[in-house]
Amino acid sequence: MPSEQTKALLRKVSTATLATALFKRGFKQQFIQNVLPLGTLKESMVGEAFTLRYMPAREDLDTLESFRDRGHLQRQAVETCPPGAVLVIDSRKDARAASAGGILVTRLMQRGAAGVVTDGGFRDSAEIAGLDIPAFHSRPSAPTNLTLHHAVAINDPIGCGDAPVFPGDIIVGDADGVIVIPAYIADEVAEEAVNMTQFEDFVTEQVREGATILGLYPPTDPESSRKFEAWKQNR
């Protein structure tokens, strides 16, 4: 699994930069589509994926009585998601009913989860936005999950917002959304993304001072590379 140092590096880079680093390696579908954070993030969300998969609900199984079962998989996912992990919920991109609500997300927070992501919606969204845990969804949704969702599997490979998510993948979320990094390349992607961020900071500074992007971004002009190396030395 990626080290704590790698996780610390990933908190310093954007999902946009990570998307480019992944694209260089041939990964095009790693960004979870149409999810945004509830509230303002203090820092980027980073953690290993722990998954929950929903299928369409069936009326004879998904009644309020089903929540009395201590083995209900939605509840089990909340109670077994490891500290430091991100609970990623496959809700089939259907936000007509909630994937979870304020009480369950509060429980995840108290258990030390690094965050929660769904390609559906959360109920109690204003409450969740005020919690000290990153939470990402597509939009608020008041109806109980039982009206549309049947929890069917924990910690299996899933699709979330059109992105493949395997248990243990590294999940990174910021103001732009959420990206999924295959665990076995997380160390090298983090290191490259930090270097890319340094270069992007240099480019931004140059552009603000009036420089053209031609020959600078990308650095096809050798002078741009020379200036960047000098810029790094000064910092």
C-alpha atoms as a PDB file:
ATOM      1  CA  MET A   1       0.000   0.000   0.000  1.00  0.00           C
ATOM      2  CA  PRO A   2       1.158   3.587  -0.596  1.00  0.00           C
ATOM      3  CA  SER A   3       3.111   5.134   2.256  1.00  0.00           C
ATOM      4  CA  GLU A   4       2.013   8.006   4.451  1.00  0.00           C
ATOM      5  CA  GLN A   5       4.623  10.088   2.634  1.00  0.00           C
ATOM      6  CA  THR A   6       2.845   9.395  -0.660  1.00  0.00           C
ATOM      7  CA  LYS A   7      -0.485  10.363   0.859  1.00  0.00           C
ATOM      8  CA  ALA A   8       1.037  13.594   2.143  1.00  0.00           C
ATOM      9  CA  LEU A   9       2.323  14.390  -1.351  1.00  0.00           C
ATOM     10  CA  LEU A  10      -1.095  13.707  -2.857  1.00  0.00           C
ATOM     11  CA  ARG A  11      -2.659  16.274  -0.509  1.00  0.00           C
ATOM     12  CA  LYS A  12      -0.447  18.925  -2.115  1.00  0.00           C
ATOM     13  CA  VAL A  13      -1.460  18.377  -5.751  1.00  0.00           C
ATOM     14  CA  SER A  14      -4.670  18.933  -7.680  1.00  0.00           C
ATOM     15  CA  THR A  15      -6.908  16.324  -9.249  1.00  0.00           C
ATOM     16  CA  ALA A  16      -6.289  18.138 -12.543  1.00  0.00           C
ATOM     17  CA  THR A  17      -2.550  17.495 -12.297  1.00  0.00           C
ATOM     18  CA  LEU A  18      -3.165  13.894 -11.247  1.00  0.00           C
ATOM     19  CA  ALA A  19      -5.477  13.408 -14.228  1.00  0.00           C
ATOM     20  CA  THR A  20      -2.673  14.482 -16.559  1.00  0.00           C
ATOM     21  CA  ALA A  21      -0.145  12.207 -14.825  1.00  0.00           C
ATOM     22  CA  LEU A  22      -2.556   9.290 -15.217  1.00  0.00           C
ATOM     23  CA  PHE A  23      -3.283  10.176 -18.837  1.00  0.00           C
ATOM     24  CA  LYS A  24       0.466   9.948 -19.557  1.00  0.00           C
ATOM     25  CA  ARG A  25       0.231   6.334 -18.400  1.00  0.00           C
ATOM     26  CA  GLY A  26      -2.791   5.575 -20.580  1.00  0.00           C
ATOM     27  CA  PHE A  27      -5.509   5.975 -17.917  1.00  0.00           C
ATOM     28  CA  LYS A  28      -8.428   8.016 -19.266  1.00  0.00           C
ATOM     29  CA  GLN A  29     -11.426   7.046 -17.109  1.00  0.00           C
ATOM     30  CA  GLN A  30     -10.180   7.639 -13.572  1.00  0.00           C
ATOM     31  CA  PHE A  31     -12.113  10.833 -12.793  1.00  0.00           C
ATOM     32  CA  ILE A  32     -15.470  10.231 -11.076  1.00  0.00           C
ATOM     33  CA  GLN A  33     -17.954  12.193 -13.134  1.00  0.00           C
ATOM     34  CA  ASN A  34     -20.445  14.706 -11.755  1.00  0.00           C
ATOM     35  CA  VAL A  35     -19.529  14.716  -8.057  1.00  0.00           C
ATOM     36  CA  LEU A  36     -18.545  17.768  -6.037  1.00  0.00           C
ATOM     37  CA  PRO A  37     -17.743  18.370  -2.363  1.00  0.00           C
ATOM     38  CA  LEU A  38     -20.354  19.433   0.134  1.00  0.00           C
ATOM     39  CA  GLY A  39     -18.908  22.465   1.868  1.00  0.00           C
ATOM     40  CA  THR A  40     -15.377  23.835   1.681  1.00  0.00           C
ATOM     41  CA  LEU A  41     -12.497  21.388   2.013  1.00  0.00           C
ATOM     42  CA  LYS A  42      -9.716  22.157   4.496  1.00  0.00           C
ATOM     43  CA  GLU A  43      -7.342  20.053   2.397  1.00  0.00           C
ATOM     44  CA  SER A  44      -7.582  17.412  -0.312  1.00  0.00           C
ATOM     45  CA  MET A  45      -9.202  14.125   0.640  1.00  0.00           C
ATOM     46  CA  VAL A  46      -6.809  11.160   0.350  1.00  0.00           C
ATOM     47  CA  GLY A  47      -7.414   7.544   1.347  1.00  0.00           C
ATOM     48  CA  GLU A  48      -7.736   3.960   0.192  1.00  0.00           C
ATOM     49  CA  ALA A  49     -11.023   2.968  -1.436  1.00  0.00           C
ATOM     50  CA  PHE A  50     -13.475   0.881   0.578  1.00  0.00           C
ATOM     51  CA  THR A  51     -16.523   0.221  -1.579  1.00  0.00           C
ATOM     52  CA  LEU A  52     -20.267  -0.270  -1.259  1.00  0.00           C
ATOM     53  CA  ARG A  53     -22.382  -1.280  -4.240  1.00  0.00           C
ATOM     54  CA  TYR A  54     -26.102  -0.726  -4.675  1.00  0.00           C
ATOM     55  CA  MET A  55     -28.420  -2.438  -7.133  1.00  0.00           C
ATOM     56  CA  PRO A  56     -32.019  -1.391  -7.837  1.00  0.00           C
ATOM     57  CA  ALA A  57     -34.313  -1.843  -4.840  1.00  0.00           C
ATOM     58  CA  ARG A  58     -37.039  -4.477  -4.717  1.00  0.00           C
ATOM     59  CA  GLU A  59     -40.226  -3.632  -2.832  1.00  0.00           C
ATOM     60  CA  ASP A  60     -40.515  -6.854  -0.840  1.00  0.00           C
ATOM     61  CA  LEU A  61     -36.933  -6.634   0.430  1.00  0.00           C
ATOM     62  CA  ASP A  62     -36.270  -2.934   0.874  1.00  0.00           C
ATOM     63  CA  THR A  63     -38.699  -1.892   3.587  1.00  0.00           C
ATOM     64  CA  LEU A  64     -37.980   0.128   6.724  1.00  0.00           C
ATOM     65  CA  GLU A  65     -37.945  -3.153   8.611  1.00  0.00           C
ATOM     66  CA  SER A  66     -34.808  -4.166   6.726  1.00  0.00           C
ATOM     67  CA  PHE A  67     -32.820  -1.613   8.744  1.00  0.00           C
ATOM     68  CA  ARG A  68     -33.509  -3.659  11.892  1.00  0.00           C
ATOM     69  CA  ASP A  69     -31.172  -6.306  10.478  1.00  0.00           C
ATOM     70  CA  ARG A  70     -27.710  -5.705  11.954  1.00  0.00           C
ATOM     71  CA  GLY A  71     -26.284  -7.355   8.875  1.00  0.00           C
ATOM     72  CA  HIS A  72     -27.765  -4.752   6.497  1.00  0.00           C
ATOM     73  CA  LEU A  73     -24.885  -4.073   4.128  1.00  0.00           C
ATOM     74  CA  GLN A  74     -25.237  -0.299   4.125  1.00  0.00           C
ATOM     75  CA  ARG A  75     -24.860  -0.268   7.908  1.00  0.00           C
ATOM     76  CA  GLN A  76     -22.082  -2.863   7.766  1.00  0.00           C
ATOM     77  CA  ALA A  77     -20.146  -0.751   5.275  1.00  0.00           C
ATOM     78  CA  VAL A  78     -20.254   2.209   7.664  1.00  0.00           C
ATOM     79  CA  GLU A  79     -19.208   0.057  10.634  1.00  0.00           C
ATOM     80  CA  THR A  80     -16.362  -1.748   8.832  1.00  0.00           C
ATOM     81  CA  CYS A  81     -14.869   1.009   6.667  1.00  0.00           C
ATOM     82  CA  PRO A  82     -11.304   1.201   8.026  1.00  0.00           C
ATOM     83  CA  PRO A  83      -9.955   4.395   9.599  1.00  0.00           C
ATOM     84  CA  GLY A  84      -8.169   6.422   6.940  1.00  0.00           C
ATOM     85  CA  ALA A  85     -10.180   4.870   4.098  1.00  0.00           C
ATOM     86  CA  VAL A  86     -12.695   6.553   1.787  1.00  0.00           C
ATOM     87  CA  LEU A  87     -16.105   4.899   1.496  1.00  0.00           C
ATOM     88  CA  VAL A  88     -16.968   4.945  -2.223  1.00  0.00           C
ATOM     89  CA  ILE A  89     -20.599   4.158  -3.043  1.00  0.00           C
ATOM     90  CA  ASP A  90     -21.818   2.931  -6.402  1.00  0.00           C
ATOM     91  CA  SER A  91     -25.342   4.328  -6.619  1.00  0.00           C
ATOM     92  CA  ARG A  92     -25.608   3.797 -10.398  1.00  0.00           C
ATOM     93  CA  LYS A  93     -25.471   7.596 -10.880  1.00  0.00           C
ATOM     94  CA  ASP A  94     -29.036   7.734  -9.510  1.00  0.00           C
ATOM     95  CA  ALA A  95     -29.643  10.588  -7.061  1.00  0.00           C
ATOM     96  CA  ARG A  96     -33.410  10.223  -6.904  1.00  0.00           C
ATOM     97  CA  ALA A  97     -32.919   8.579  -3.497  1.00  0.00           C
ATOM     98  CA  ALA A  98     -30.199   9.185  -0.932  1.00  0.00           C
ATOM     99  CA  SER A  99     -27.086   7.018  -0.781  1.00  0.00           C
ATOM    100  CA  ALA A 100     -26.780   7.875   2.933  1.00  0.00           C
ATOM    101  CA  GLY A 101     -27.608  10.661   5.363  1.00  0.00           C
ATOM    102  CA  GLY A 102     -26.204  12.761   8.148  1.00  0.00           C
ATOM    103  CA  ILE A 103     -26.192  10.097  10.869  1.00  0.00           C
ATOM    104  CA  LEU A 104     -24.257   7.541   8.799  1.00  0.00           C
ATOM    105  CA  VAL A 105     -21.731  10.112   7.582  1.00  0.00           C
ATOM    106  CA  THR A 106     -21.297  11.320  11.171  1.00  0.00           C
ATOM    107  CA  ARG A 107     -20.562   7.726  12.184  1.00  0.00           C
ATOM    108  CA  LEU A 108     -17.948   7.468   9.419  1.00  0.00           C
ATOM    109  CA  MET A 109     -16.375  10.665  10.698  1.00  0.00           C
ATOM    110  CA  GLN A 110     -16.285   9.366  14.289  1.00  0.00           C
ATOM    111  CA  ARG A 111     -14.683   6.120  13.107  1.00  0.00           C
ATOM    112  CA  GLY A 112     -11.891   8.029  11.393  1.00  0.00           C
ATOM    113  CA  ALA A 113     -12.800   7.583   7.742  1.00  0.00           C
ATOM    114  CA  ALA A 114     -10.926   9.891   5.369  1.00  0.00           C
ATOM    115  CA  GLY A 115     -14.071  10.705   3.403  1.00  0.00           C
ATOM    116  CA  VAL A 116     -17.141   9.443   1.565  1.00  0.00           C
ATOM    117  CA  VAL A 117     -18.063   9.591  -2.131  1.00  0.00           C
ATOM    118  CA  THR A 118     -21.218   8.660  -3.995  1.00  0.00           C
ATOM    119  CA  ASP A 119     -22.290   9.117  -7.602  1.00  0.00           C
ATOM    120  CA  GLY A 120     -25.793   9.562  -6.212  1.00  0.00           C
ATOM    121  CA  GLY A 121     -26.939  12.035  -3.571  1.00  0.00           C
ATOM    122  CA  PHE A 122     -26.938  12.531   0.188  1.00  0.00           C
ATOM    123  CA  ARG A 123     -29.856  13.534   2.358  1.00  0.00           C
ATOM    124  CA  ASP A 124     -29.227  15.971   5.229  1.00  0.00           C
ATOM    125  CA  SER A 125     -26.791  17.643   2.847  1.00  0.00           C
ATOM    126  CA  ALA A 126     -26.501  20.893   4.817  1.00  0.00           C
ATOM    127  CA  GLU A 127     -25.693  18.918   7.959  1.00  0.00           C
ATOM    128  CA  ILE A 128     -23.075  16.830   6.138  1.00  0.00           C
ATOM    129  CA  ALA A 129     -21.520  19.983   4.684  1.00  0.00           C
ATOM    130  CA  GLY A 130     -20.819  21.141   8.234  1.00  0.00           C
ATOM    131  CA  LEU A 131     -19.142  17.916   9.369  1.00  0.00           C
ATOM    132  CA  ASP A 132     -15.393  17.513   9.679  1.00  0.00           C
ATOM    133  CA  ILE A 133     -15.202  14.867   6.948  1.00  0.00           C
ATOM    134  CA  PRO A 134     -14.929  15.357   3.169  1.00  0.00           C
ATOM    135  CA  ALA A 135     -18.095  14.229   1.402  1.00  0.00           C
ATOM    136  CA  PHE A 136     -18.756  14.253  -2.354  1.00  0.00           C
ATOM    137  CA  HIS A 137     -22.044  13.689  -4.169  1.00  0.00           C
ATOM    138  CA  SER A 138     -23.937  14.736  -7.291  1.00  0.00           C
ATOM    139  CA  ARG A 139     -26.797  16.618  -5.587  1.00  0.00           C
ATOM    140  CA  PRO A 140     -28.969  16.601  -2.453  1.00  0.00           C
ATOM    141  CA  SER A 141     -31.647  13.916  -2.255  1.00  0.00           C
ATOM    142  CA  ALA A 142     -34.238  13.615   0.504  1.00  0.00           C
ATOM    143  CA  PRO A 143     -35.874  10.181  -0.131  1.00  0.00           C
ATOM    144  CA  THR A 144     -34.517   7.236   1.851  1.00  0.00           C
ATOM    145  CA  ASN A 145     -32.153   4.972  -0.064  1.00  0.00           C
ATOM    146  CA  LEU A 146     -34.597   2.068   0.337  1.00  0.00           C
ATOM    147  CA  THR A 147     -36.912   3.561  -2.270  1.00  0.00           C
ATOM    148  CA  LEU A 148     -34.367   2.952  -5.051  1.00  0.00           C
ATOM    149  CA  HIS A 149     -31.202   1.293  -3.698  1.00  0.00           C
ATOM    150  CA  HIS A 150     -30.505  -2.198  -2.413  1.00  0.00           C
ATOM    151  CA  ALA A 151     -27.078  -2.613  -0.781  1.00  0.00           C
ATOM    152  CA  VAL A 152     -25.652  -5.766  -2.320  1.00  0.00           C
ATOM    153  CA  ALA A 153     -21.853  -5.891  -1.870  1.00  0.00           C
ATOM    154  CA  ILE A 154     -19.047  -4.496   0.271  1.00  0.00           C
ATOM    155  CA  ASN A 155     -15.468  -4.038  -0.925  1.00  0.00           C
ATOM    156  CA  ASP A 156     -15.968  -5.418  -4.406  1.00  0.00           C
ATOM    157  CA  PRO A 157     -14.816  -3.644  -7.578  1.00  0.00           C
ATOM    158  CA  ILE A 158     -17.420  -1.042  -8.551  1.00  0.00           C
ATOM    159  CA  GLY A 159     -18.117   1.703 -11.025  1.00  0.00           C
ATOM    160  CA  CYS A 160     -18.656   5.139  -9.521  1.00  0.00           C
ATOM    161  CA  GLY A 161     -19.506   8.020 -11.830  1.00  0.00           C
ATOM    162  CA  ASP A 162     -18.166   6.008 -14.793  1.00  0.00           C
ATOM    163  CA  ALA A 163     -14.797   5.435 -13.105  1.00  0.00           C
ATOM    164  CA  PRO A 164     -13.586   1.932 -12.182  1.00  0.00           C
ATOM    165  CA  VAL A 165     -12.836   1.665  -8.460  1.00  0.00           C
ATOM    166  CA  PHE A 166     -11.062  -1.340  -6.993  1.00  0.00           C
ATOM    167  CA  PRO A 167     -10.710  -1.834  -3.237  1.00  0.00           C
ATOM    168  CA  GLY A 168      -7.448  -0.272  -2.108  1.00  0.00           C
ATOM    169  CA  ASP A 169      -7.214   2.202  -4.986  1.00  0.00           C
ATOM    170  CA  ILE A 170      -6.142   5.644  -3.807  1.00  0.00           C
ATOM    171  CA  ILE A 171      -8.956   8.196  -3.831  1.00  0.00           C
ATOM    172  CA  VAL A 172      -8.095  11.892  -4.058  1.00  0.00           C
ATOM    173  CA  GLY A 173     -10.740  14.622  -3.882  1.00  0.00           C
ATOM    174  CA  ASP A 174     -10.547  18.403  -4.125  1.00  0.00           C
ATOM    175  CA  ALA A 175     -12.745  21.294  -5.247  1.00  0.00           C
ATOM    176  CA  ASP A 176     -12.798  19.944  -8.814  1.00  0.00           C
ATOM    177  CA  GLY A 177     -13.994  16.468  -7.845  1.00  0.00           C
ATOM    178  CA  VAL A 178     -12.582  12.996  -7.214  1.00  0.00           C
ATOM    179  CA  ILE A 179      -9.965  10.926  -9.025  1.00  0.00           C
ATOM    180  CA  VAL A 180      -9.009   7.267  -8.589  1.00  0.00           C
ATOM    181  CA  ILE A 181      -5.347   6.191  -8.678  1.00  0.00           C
ATOM    182  CA  PRO A 182      -4.522   2.483  -9.039  1.00  0.00           C
ATOM    183  CA  ALA A 183      -2.657   1.624  -5.845  1.00  0.00           C
ATOM    184  CA  TYR A 184       0.367   0.069  -7.529  1.00  0.00           C
ATOM    185  CA  ILE A 185       1.320   3.333  -9.283  1.00  0.00           C
ATOM    186  CA  ALA A 186       0.329   5.765  -6.523  1.00  0.00           C
ATOM    187  CA  ASP A 187       3.907   6.384  -5.341  1.00  0.00           C
ATOM    188  CA  GLU A 188       5.254   7.286  -8.777  1.00  0.00           C
ATOM    189  CA  VAL A 189       2.182   9.323  -9.720  1.00  0.00           C
ATOM    190  CA  ALA A 190       2.426  11.338  -6.495  1.00  0.00           C
ATOM    191  CA  GLU A 191       6.089  12.130  -7.069  1.00  0.00           C
ATOM    192  CA  GLU A 192       5.520  13.138 -10.680  1.00  0.00           C
ATOM    193  CA  ALA A 193       2.481  15.244  -9.780  1.00  0.00           C
ATOM    194  CA  VAL A 194       4.516  17.217  -7.242  1.00  0.00           C
ATOM    195  CA  ASN A 195       7.128  17.956  -9.912  1.00  0.00           C
ATOM    196  CA  MET A 196       4.399  18.903 -12.376  1.00  0.00           C
ATOM    197  CA  THR A 197       2.877  21.247  -9.793  1.00  0.00           C
ATOM    198  CA  GLN A 198       6.204  22.992  -9.309  1.00  0.00           C
ATOM    199  CA  PHE A 199       6.461  23.564 -13.052  1.00  0.00           C
ATOM    200  CA  GLU A 200       2.861  24.772 -13.267  1.00  0.00           C
ATOM    201  CA  ASP A 201       3.541  27.253 -10.440  1.00  0.00           C
ATOM    202  CA  PHE A 202       6.548  28.532 -12.384  1.00  0.00           C
ATOM    203  CA  VAL A 203       4.503  28.839 -15.586  1.00  0.00           C
ATOM    204  CA  THR A 204       1.699  30.671 -13.796  1.00  0.00           C
ATOM    205  CA  GLU A 205       4.199  33.151 -12.380  1.00  0.00           C
ATOM    206  CA  GLN A 206       5.730  33.716 -15.817  1.00  0.00           C
ATOM    207  CA  VAL A 207       2.340  34.204 -17.489  1.00  0.00           C
ATOM    208  CA  ARG A 208       1.262  36.695 -14.833  1.00  0.00           C
ATOM    209  CA  GLU A 209       4.403  38.652 -15.641  1.00  0.00           C
ATOM    210  CA  GLY A 210       3.356  38.798 -19.300  1.00  0.00           C
ATOM    211  CA  ALA A 211       5.132  35.790 -20.848  1.00  0.00           C
ATOM    212  CA  THR A 212       3.614  33.961 -23.819  1.00  0.00           C
ATOM    213  CA  ILE A 213       2.664  30.323 -23.334  1.00  0.00           C
ATOM    214  CA  LEU A 214       4.307  29.436 -26.675  1.00  0.00           C
ATOM    215  CA  GLY A 215       7.543  27.626 -25.944  1.00  0.00           C
ATOM    216  CA  LEU A 216       6.782  27.805 -22.237  1.00  0.00           C
ATOM    217  CA  TYR A 217       3.807  25.508 -21.771  1.00  0.00           C
ATOM    218  CA  PRO A 218       4.913  22.922 -22.793  1.00  0.00           C
ATOM    219  CA  PRO A 219       8.586  23.978 -22.463  1.00  0.00           C
ATOM    220  CA  THR A 220       9.649  23.449 -26.077  1.00  0.00           C
ATOM    221  CA  ASP A 221      11.993  26.431 -25.873  1.00  0.00           C
ATOM    222  CA  PRO A 222      15.250  25.391 -24.093  1.00  0.00           C
ATOM    223  CA  GLU A 223      15.354  28.791 -22.440  1.00  0.00           C
ATOM    224  CA  SER A 224      12.113  27.940 -20.610  1.00  0.00           C
ATOM    225  CA  SER A 225      13.710  24.859 -19.062  1.00  0.00           C
ATOM    226  CA  ARG A 226      16.782  26.866 -18.068  1.00  0.00           C
ATOM    227  CA  LYS A 227      14.619  29.500 -16.392  1.00  0.00           C
ATOM    228  CA  PHE A 228      12.642  26.816 -14.570  1.00  0.00           C
ATOM    229  CA  GLU A 229      15.793  25.226 -13.132  1.00  0.00           C
ATOM    230  CA  ALA A 230      16.980  28.629 -11.959  1.00  0.00           C
ATOM    231  CA  TRP A 231      13.541  29.334 -10.475  1.00  0.00           C
ATOM    232  CA  LYS A 232      13.683  26.077  -8.499  1.00  0.00           C
ATOM    233  CA  GLN A 233      17.130  26.869  -7.157  1.00  0.00           C
ATOM    234  CA  ASN A 234      15.901  30.205  -5.844  1.00  0.00           C
ATOM    235  CA  ARG A 235      13.163  28.385  -3.899  1.00  0.00           C
END
